[in-house]
Amino acid sequence: MSDELKSRSTAGKETFLELYAIQPGIPLDHAFDELSVLLGCIRHLSEEAEMEGNMIAGSAARILSAMAKALINDMEMGMNRSA
């Protein structure tokens, strides 16, 4: 699967928050690494928001969640395009 991920890339069609877009041509193995980091940050910020009532952490988690969703959707398009 690793070689398959290296040979496929993001489609570059997804946007998030009407301002940002996923770049085309990013190898999917790299995109998965970045997605893992994003999800770790979201988890930490969500816990911070819940446990400490930190509104800024909650807002940051919401923004990063939109980014992660766009990345997942774009990665799926890239996988389907290359199949």
PDB file of N, CA and C in Angstrom:
ATOM      1  N   MET A   1       0.825  -1.196   0.000  1.00  0.00           N
ATOM      2  CA  MET A   1       0.000   0.000   0.000  1.00  0.00           C
ATOM      3  C   MET A   1       0.864   1.252   0.000  1.00  0.00           C
ATOM      4  N   SER A   2       2.031   1.217   0.604  1.00  0.00           N
ATOM      5  CA  SER A   2       2.885   2.395   0.684  1.00  0.00           C
ATOM      6  C   SER A   2       3.310   2.873  -0.703  1.00  0.00           C
ATOM      7  N   ASP A   3       3.722   1.951  -1.585  1.00  0.00           N
ATOM      8  CA  ASP A   3       4.099   2.339  -2.945  1.00  0.00           C
ATOM      9  C   ASP A   3       2.905   2.910  -3.693  1.00  0.00           C
ATOM     10  N   GLU A   4       1.744   2.325  -3.437  1.00  0.00           N
ATOM     11  CA  GLU A   4       0.520   2.820  -4.072  1.00  0.00           C
ATOM     12  C   GLU A   4       0.229   4.251  -3.628  1.00  0.00           C
ATOM     13  N   LEU A   5       0.423   4.534  -2.347  1.00  0.00           N
ATOM     14  CA  LEU A   5       0.171   5.884  -1.840  1.00  0.00           C
ATOM     15  C   LEU A   5       1.172   6.883  -2.393  1.00  0.00           C
ATOM     16  N   LYS A   6       2.403   6.461  -2.587  1.00  0.00           N
ATOM     17  CA  LYS A   6       3.416   7.366  -3.132  1.00  0.00           C
ATOM     18  C   LYS A   6       3.135   7.712  -4.589  1.00  0.00           C
ATOM     19  N   SER A   7       2.490   6.790  -5.304  1.00  0.00           N
ATOM     20  CA  SER A   7       2.228   7.027  -6.725  1.00  0.00           C
ATOM     21  C   SER A   7       0.946   7.817  -6.965  1.00  0.00           C
ATOM     22  N   ARG A   8       0.130   7.964  -5.950  1.00  0.00           N
ATOM     23  CA  ARG A   8      -1.112   8.733  -6.073  1.00  0.00           C
ATOM     24  C   ARG A   8      -0.965  10.048  -5.325  1.00  0.00           C
ATOM     25  N   SER A   9      -1.780  11.026  -5.716  1.00  0.00           N
ATOM     26  CA  SER A   9      -1.646  12.344  -5.095  1.00  0.00           C
ATOM     27  C   SER A   9      -3.002  13.006  -4.906  1.00  0.00           C
ATOM     28  N   THR A  10      -2.988  14.106  -4.171  1.00  0.00           N
ATOM     29  CA  THR A  10      -4.208  14.868  -3.931  1.00  0.00           C
ATOM     30  C   THR A  10      -4.722  15.451  -5.246  1.00  0.00           C
ATOM     31  N   ALA A  11      -6.043  15.639  -5.301  1.00  0.00           N
ATOM     32  CA  ALA A  11      -6.676  16.172  -6.510  1.00  0.00           C
ATOM     33  C   ALA A  11      -6.555  17.689  -6.587  1.00  0.00           C
ATOM     34  N   GLY A  12      -6.544  18.342  -5.426  1.00  0.00           N
ATOM     35  CA  GLY A  12      -6.448  19.797  -5.405  1.00  0.00           C
ATOM     36  C   GLY A  12      -7.748  20.490  -5.751  1.00  0.00           C
ATOM     37  N   LYS A  13      -8.869  19.863  -5.401  1.00  0.00           N
ATOM     38  CA  LYS A  13     -10.173  20.431  -5.735  1.00  0.00           C
ATOM     39  C   LYS A  13     -10.953  20.897  -4.513  1.00  0.00           C
ATOM     40  N   GLU A  14     -10.629  20.395  -3.333  1.00  0.00           N
ATOM     41  CA  GLU A  14     -11.381  20.730  -2.123  1.00  0.00           C
ATOM     42  C   GLU A  14     -10.941  22.062  -1.540  1.00  0.00           C
ATOM     43  N   THR A  15     -11.916  22.799  -1.015  1.00  0.00           N
ATOM     44  CA  THR A  15     -11.642  24.047  -0.305  1.00  0.00           C
ATOM     45  C   THR A  15     -12.223  23.943   1.097  1.00  0.00           C
ATOM     46  N   PHE A  16     -11.787  24.834   1.978  1.00  0.00           N
ATOM     47  CA  PHE A  16     -12.373  24.883   3.311  1.00  0.00           C
ATOM     48  C   PHE A  16     -12.393  26.317   3.790  1.00  0.00           C
ATOM     49  N   LEU A  17     -13.441  26.638   4.527  1.00  0.00           N
ATOM     50  CA  LEU A  17     -13.673  27.981   5.062  1.00  0.00           C
ATOM     51  C   LEU A  17     -13.653  29.050   3.965  1.00  0.00           C
ATOM     52  N   GLU A  18     -14.013  28.657   2.745  1.00  0.00           N
ATOM     53  CA  GLU A  18     -14.137  29.547   1.590  1.00  0.00           C
ATOM     54  C   GLU A  18     -12.874  30.343   1.262  1.00  0.00           C
ATOM     55  N   LEU A  19     -11.782  30.067   1.924  1.00  0.00           N
ATOM     56  CA  LEU A  19     -10.567  30.842   1.718  1.00  0.00           C
ATOM     57  C   LEU A  19      -9.369  29.970   1.364  1.00  0.00           C
ATOM     58  N   TYR A  20      -9.346  28.747   1.863  1.00  0.00           N
ATOM     59  CA  TYR A  20      -8.188  27.875   1.722  1.00  0.00           C
ATOM     60  C   TYR A  20      -8.514  26.705   0.799  1.00  0.00           C
ATOM     61  N   ALA A  21      -7.486  26.151   0.192  1.00  0.00           N
ATOM     62  CA  ALA A  21      -7.672  25.015  -0.709  1.00  0.00           C
ATOM     63  C   ALA A  21      -6.531  24.017  -0.538  1.00  0.00           C
ATOM     64  N   ILE A  22      -6.839  22.754  -0.786  1.00  0.00           N
ATOM     65  CA  ILE A  22      -5.829  21.703  -0.774  1.00  0.00           C
ATOM     66  C   ILE A  22      -5.033  21.811  -2.079  1.00  0.00           C
ATOM     67  N   GLN A  23      -3.733  21.734  -1.989  1.00  0.00           N
ATOM     68  CA  GLN A  23      -2.870  21.824  -3.164  1.00  0.00           C
ATOM     69  C   GLN A  23      -2.888  20.505  -3.933  1.00  0.00           C
ATOM     70  N   PRO A  24      -2.918  20.569  -5.259  1.00  0.00           N
ATOM     71  CA  PRO A  24      -2.870  19.335  -6.048  1.00  0.00           C
ATOM     72  C   PRO A  24      -1.460  18.756  -6.078  1.00  0.00           C
ATOM     73  N   GLY A  25      -1.393  17.445  -6.296  1.00  0.00           N
ATOM     74  CA  GLY A  25      -0.110  16.796  -6.523  1.00  0.00           C
ATOM     75  C   GLY A  25       0.680  16.407  -5.291  1.00  0.00           C
ATOM     76  N   ILE A  26       0.083  16.502  -4.100  1.00  0.00           N
ATOM     77  CA  ILE A  26       0.778  16.079  -2.881  1.00  0.00           C
ATOM     78  C   ILE A  26       0.641  14.560  -2.771  1.00  0.00           C
ATOM     79  N   PRO A  27       1.748  13.811  -2.674  1.00  0.00           N
ATOM     80  CA  PRO A  27       1.649  12.353  -2.548  1.00  0.00           C
ATOM     81  C   PRO A  27       0.781  11.965  -1.344  1.00  0.00           C
ATOM     82  N   LEU A  28      -0.056  10.944  -1.534  1.00  0.00           N
ATOM     83  CA  LEU A  28      -1.000  10.573  -0.485  1.00  0.00           C
ATOM     84  C   LEU A  28      -0.319  10.098   0.791  1.00  0.00           C
ATOM     85  N   ASP A  29       0.867   9.505   0.696  1.00  0.00           N
ATOM     86  CA  ASP A  29       1.533   9.095   1.933  1.00  0.00           C
ATOM     87  C   ASP A  29       1.886  10.320   2.775  1.00  0.00           C
ATOM     88  N   HIS A  30       2.293  11.399   2.137  1.00  0.00           N
ATOM     89  CA  HIS A  30       2.587  12.648   2.858  1.00  0.00           C
ATOM     90  C   HIS A  30       1.293  13.267   3.391  1.00  0.00           C
ATOM     91  N   ALA A  31       0.239  13.229   2.579  1.00  0.00           N
ATOM     92  CA  ALA A  31      -1.049  13.774   3.012  1.00  0.00           C
ATOM     93  C   ALA A  31      -1.575  13.021   4.234  1.00  0.00           C
ATOM     94  N   PHE A  32      -1.408  11.692   4.268  1.00  0.00           N
ATOM     95  CA  PHE A  32      -1.832  10.914   5.441  1.00  0.00           C
ATOM     96  C   PHE A  32      -1.037  11.317   6.682  1.00  0.00           C
ATOM     97  N   ASP A  33       0.251  11.564   6.524  1.00  0.00           N
ATOM     98  CA  ASP A  33       1.064  12.017   7.659  1.00  0.00           C
ATOM     99  C   ASP A  33       0.537  13.342   8.201  1.00  0.00           C
ATOM    100  N   GLU A  34       0.255  14.275   7.306  1.00  0.00           N
ATOM    101  CA  GLU A  34      -0.263  15.581   7.726  1.00  0.00           C
ATOM    102  C   GLU A  34      -1.642  15.448   8.356  1.00  0.00           C
ATOM    103  N   LEU A  35      -2.466  14.560   7.812  1.00  0.00           N
ATOM    104  CA  LEU A  35      -3.791  14.326   8.376  1.00  0.00           C
ATOM    105  C   LEU A  35      -3.684  13.798   9.798  1.00  0.00           C
ATOM    106  N   SER A  36      -2.750  12.905  10.043  1.00  0.00           N
ATOM    107  CA  SER A  36      -2.540  12.369  11.385  1.00  0.00           C
ATOM    108  C   SER A  36      -2.162  13.472  12.366  1.00  0.00           C
ATOM    109  N   VAL A  37      -1.284  14.370  11.948  1.00  0.00           N
ATOM    110  CA  VAL A  37      -0.887  15.496  12.799  1.00  0.00           C
ATOM    111  C   VAL A  37      -2.093  16.390  13.084  1.00  0.00           C
ATOM    112  N   LEU A  38      -2.861  16.703  12.041  1.00  0.00           N
ATOM    113  CA  LEU A  38      -4.056  17.537  12.214  1.00  0.00           C
ATOM    114  C   LEU A  38      -5.024  16.922  13.219  1.00  0.00           C
ATOM    115  N   LEU A  39      -5.285  15.632  13.075  1.00  0.00           N
ATOM    116  CA  LEU A  39      -6.228  14.967  13.979  1.00  0.00           C
ATOM    117  C   LEU A  39      -5.714  14.951  15.412  1.00  0.00           C
ATOM    118  N   GLY A  40      -4.404  14.811  15.597  1.00  0.00           N
ATOM    119  CA  GLY A  40      -3.832  14.893  16.939  1.00  0.00           C
ATOM    120  C   GLY A  40      -4.034  16.263  17.556  1.00  0.00           C
ATOM    121  N   CYS A  41      -3.840  17.305  16.758  1.00  0.00           N
ATOM    122  CA  CYS A  41      -4.065  18.677  17.243  1.00  0.00           C
ATOM    123  C   CYS A  41      -5.530  18.900  17.580  1.00  0.00           C
ATOM    124  N   ILE A  42      -6.412  18.406  16.722  1.00  0.00           N
ATOM    125  CA  ILE A  42      -7.852  18.557  16.960  1.00  0.00           C
ATOM    126  C   ILE A  42      -8.243  17.871  18.262  1.00  0.00           C
ATOM    127  N   ARG A  43      -7.727  16.678  18.469  1.00  0.00           N
ATOM    128  CA  ARG A  43      -8.046  15.953  19.704  1.00  0.00           C
ATOM    129  C   ARG A  43      -7.584  16.743  20.924  1.00  0.00           C
ATOM    130  N   HIS A  44      -6.352  17.231  20.893  1.00  0.00           N
ATOM    131  CA  HIS A  44      -5.817  17.994  22.022  1.00  0.00           C
ATOM    132  C   HIS A  44      -6.644  19.256  22.271  1.00  0.00           C
ATOM    133  N   LEU A  45      -6.923  20.002  21.218  1.00  0.00           N
ATOM    134  CA  LEU A  45      -7.684  21.242  21.370  1.00  0.00           C
ATOM    135  C   LEU A  45      -9.110  20.981  21.844  1.00  0.00           C
ATOM    136  N   SER A  46      -9.715  19.901  21.376  1.00  0.00           N
ATOM    137  CA  SER A  46     -11.070  19.550  21.816  1.00  0.00           C
ATOM    138  C   SER A  46     -11.094  19.226  23.303  1.00  0.00           C
ATOM    139  N   GLU A  47     -10.104  18.471  23.759  1.00  0.00           N
ATOM    140  CA  GLU A  47     -10.011  18.159  25.187  1.00  0.00           C
ATOM    141  C   GLU A  47      -9.790  19.421  26.006  1.00  0.00           C
ATOM    142  N   GLU A  48      -8.936  20.304  25.517  1.00  0.00           N
ATOM    143  CA  GLU A  48      -8.668  21.573  26.199  1.00  0.00           C
ATOM    144  C   GLU A  48      -9.941  22.414  26.287  1.00  0.00           C
ATOM    145  N   ALA A  49     -10.671  22.466  25.199  1.00  0.00           N
ATOM    146  CA  ALA A  49     -11.914  23.240  25.175  1.00  0.00           C
ATOM    147  C   ALA A  49     -12.933  22.666  26.148  1.00  0.00           C
ATOM    148  N   GLU A  50     -13.043  21.350  26.175  1.00  0.00           N
ATOM    149  CA  GLU A  50     -14.026  20.698  27.041  1.00  0.00           C
ATOM    150  C   GLU A  50     -13.638  20.771  28.515  1.00  0.00           C
ATOM    151  N   MET A  51     -12.398  20.446  28.824  1.00  0.00           N
ATOM    152  CA  MET A  51     -11.976  20.358  30.223  1.00  0.00           C
ATOM    153  C   MET A  51     -11.743  21.723  30.860  1.00  0.00           C
ATOM    154  N   GLU A  52     -11.244  22.671  30.074  1.00  0.00           N
ATOM    155  CA  GLU A  52     -10.888  23.984  30.618  1.00  0.00           C
ATOM    156  C   GLU A  52     -11.861  25.084  30.208  1.00  0.00           C
ATOM    157  N   GLY A  53     -12.839  24.739  29.392  1.00  0.00           N
ATOM    158  CA  GLY A  53     -13.770  25.748  28.910  1.00  0.00           C
ATOM    159  C   GLY A  53     -13.092  26.796  28.042  1.00  0.00           C
ATOM    160  N   ASN A  54     -12.069  26.380  27.329  1.00  0.00           N
ATOM    161  CA  ASN A  54     -11.265  27.290  26.520  1.00  0.00           C
ATOM    162  C   ASN A  54     -11.938  27.508  25.162  1.00  0.00           C
ATOM    163  N   MET A  55     -12.569  28.669  24.999  1.00  0.00           N
ATOM    164  CA  MET A  55     -13.300  28.979  23.769  1.00  0.00           C
ATOM    165  C   MET A  55     -12.365  29.097  22.559  1.00  0.00           C
ATOM    166  N   ILE A  56     -11.171  29.611  22.766  1.00  0.00           N
ATOM    167  CA  ILE A  56     -10.221  29.744  21.655  1.00  0.00           C
ATOM    168  C   ILE A  56      -9.793  28.363  21.165  1.00  0.00           C
ATOM    169  N   ALA A  57      -9.551  27.447  22.087  1.00  0.00           N
ATOM    170  CA  ALA A  57      -9.190  26.082  21.697  1.00  0.00           C
ATOM    171  C   ALA A  57     -10.335  25.435  20.929  1.00  0.00           C
ATOM    172  N   GLY A  58     -11.565  25.692  21.354  1.00  0.00           N
ATOM    173  CA  GLY A  58     -12.728  25.159  20.640  1.00  0.00           C
ATOM    174  C   GLY A  58     -12.830  25.707  19.230  1.00  0.00           C
ATOM    175  N   SER A  59     -12.591  26.994  19.083  1.00  0.00           N
ATOM    176  CA  SER A  59     -12.620  27.607  17.748  1.00  0.00           C
ATOM    177  C   SER A  59     -11.505  27.057  16.868  1.00  0.00           C
ATOM    178  N   ALA A  60     -10.323  26.898  17.437  1.00  0.00           N
ATOM    179  CA  ALA A  60      -9.200  26.344  16.677  1.00  0.00           C
ATOM    180  C   ALA A  60      -9.502  24.909  16.242  1.00  0.00           C
ATOM    181  N   ALA A  61     -10.104  24.128  17.129  1.00  0.00           N
ATOM    182  CA  ALA A  61     -10.459  22.748  16.786  1.00  0.00           C
ATOM    183  C   ALA A  61     -11.468  22.721  15.642  1.00  0.00           C
ATOM    184  N   ARG A  62     -12.417  23.637  15.649  1.00  0.00           N
ATOM    185  CA  ARG A  62     -13.422  23.709  14.586  1.00  0.00           C
ATOM    186  C   ARG A  62     -12.759  24.029  13.243  1.00  0.00           C
ATOM    187  N   ILE A  63     -11.851  24.986  13.233  1.00  0.00           N
ATOM    188  CA  ILE A  63     -11.160  25.371  11.999  1.00  0.00           C
ATOM    189  C   ILE A  63     -10.292  24.220  11.484  1.00  0.00           C
ATOM    190  N   LEU A  64      -9.547  23.585  12.387  1.00  0.00           N
ATOM    191  CA  LEU A  64      -8.701  22.462  11.973  1.00  0.00           C
ATOM    192  C   LEU A  64      -9.535  21.269  11.515  1.00  0.00           C
ATOM    193  N   SER A  65     -10.726  21.096  12.103  1.00  0.00           N
ATOM    194  CA  SER A  65     -11.623  20.023  11.662  1.00  0.00           C
ATOM    195  C   SER A  65     -12.063  20.245  10.222  1.00  0.00           C
ATOM    196  N   ALA A  66     -12.365  21.492   9.876  1.00  0.00           N
ATOM    197  CA  ALA A  66     -12.737  21.808   8.494  1.00  0.00           C
ATOM    198  C   ALA A  66     -11.574  21.509   7.552  1.00  0.00           C
ATOM    199  N   MET A  67     -10.365  21.816   7.992  1.00  0.00           N
ATOM    200  CA  MET A  67      -9.179  21.541   7.187  1.00  0.00           C
ATOM    201  C   MET A  67      -8.994  20.034   7.000  1.00  0.00           C
ATOM    202  N   ALA A  68      -9.144  19.280   8.074  1.00  0.00           N
ATOM    203  CA  ALA A  68      -8.973  17.830   8.003  1.00  0.00           C
ATOM    204  C   ALA A  68     -10.026  17.203   7.094  1.00  0.00           C
ATOM    205  N   LYS A  69     -11.263  17.666   7.193  1.00  0.00           N
ATOM    206  CA  LYS A  69     -12.330  17.129   6.342  1.00  0.00           C
ATOM    207  C   LYS A  69     -12.036  17.409   4.879  1.00  0.00           C
ATOM    208  N   ALA A  70     -11.602  18.611   4.566  1.00  0.00           N
ATOM    209  CA  ALA A  70     -11.264  18.940   3.178  1.00  0.00           C
ATOM    210  C   ALA A  70     -10.120  18.061   2.681  1.00  0.00           C
ATOM    211  N   LEU A  71      -9.132  17.831   3.531  1.00  0.00           N
ATOM    212  CA  LEU A  71      -8.001  16.991   3.146  1.00  0.00           C
ATOM    213  C   LEU A  71      -8.460  15.563   2.874  1.00  0.00           C
ATOM    214  N   ILE A  72      -9.298  15.018   3.740  1.00  0.00           N
ATOM    215  CA  ILE A  72      -9.817  13.656   3.541  1.00  0.00           C
ATOM    216  C   ILE A  72     -10.591  13.573   2.227  1.00  0.00           C
ATOM    217  N   ASN A  73     -11.485  14.531   1.997  1.00  0.00           N
ATOM    218  CA  ASN A  73     -12.277  14.520   0.766  1.00  0.00           C
ATOM    219  C   ASN A  73     -11.387  14.611  -0.471  1.00  0.00           C
ATOM    220  N   ASP A  74     -10.375  15.464  -0.421  1.00  0.00           N
ATOM    221  CA  ASP A  74      -9.481  15.634  -1.561  1.00  0.00           C
ATOM    222  C   ASP A  74      -8.626  14.387  -1.780  1.00  0.00           C
ATOM    223  N   MET A  75      -8.189  13.764  -0.703  1.00  0.00           N
ATOM    224  CA  MET A  75      -7.416  12.530  -0.823  1.00  0.00           C
ATOM    225  C   MET A  75      -8.263  11.442  -1.475  1.00  0.00           C
ATOM    226  N   GLU A  76      -9.542  11.379  -1.099  1.00  0.00           N
ATOM    227  CA  GLU A  76     -10.441  10.389  -1.705  1.00  0.00           C
ATOM    228  C   GLU A  76     -10.579  10.645  -3.206  1.00  0.00           C
ATOM    229  N   MET A  77     -10.735  11.911  -3.589  1.00  0.00           N
ATOM    230  CA  MET A  77     -10.813  12.238  -5.019  1.00  0.00           C
ATOM    231  C   MET A  77      -9.528  11.837  -5.737  1.00  0.00           C
ATOM    232  N   GLY A  78      -8.389  12.079  -5.092  1.00  0.00           N
ATOM    233  CA  GLY A  78      -7.116  11.700  -5.688  1.00  0.00           C
ATOM    234  C   GLY A  78      -6.983  10.198  -5.863  1.00  0.00           C
ATOM    235  N   MET A  79      -7.483   9.435  -4.897  1.00  0.00           N
ATOM    236  CA  MET A  79      -7.427   7.974  -4.998  1.00  0.00           C
ATOM    237  C   MET A  79      -8.340   7.481  -6.115  1.00  0.00           C
ATOM    238  N   ASN A  80      -9.533   8.052  -6.206  1.00  0.00           N
ATOM    239  CA  ASN A  80     -10.480   7.629  -7.242  1.00  0.00           C
ATOM    240  C   ASN A  80     -10.012   8.044  -8.632  1.00  0.00           C
ATOM    241  N   ARG A  81      -9.354   9.186  -8.728  1.00  0.00           N
ATOM    242  CA  ARG A  81      -8.856   9.685 -10.006  1.00  0.00           C
ATOM    243  C   ARG A  81      -7.753   8.778 -10.539  1.00  0.00           C
ATOM    244  N   SER A  82      -6.928   8.255  -9.642  1.00  0.00           N
ATOM    245  CA  SER A  82      -5.774   7.447 -10.046  1.00  0.00           C
ATOM    246  C   SER A  82      -6.109   5.981 -10.235  1.00  0.00           C
ATOM    247  N   ALA A  83      -7.300   5.585  -9.806  1.00  0.00           N
ATOM    248  CA  ALA A  83      -7.655   4.155  -9.859  1.00  0.00           C
ATOM    249  C   ALA A  83      -7.969   3.696 -11.262  1.00  0.00           C
TER     250      ALA A  83
END
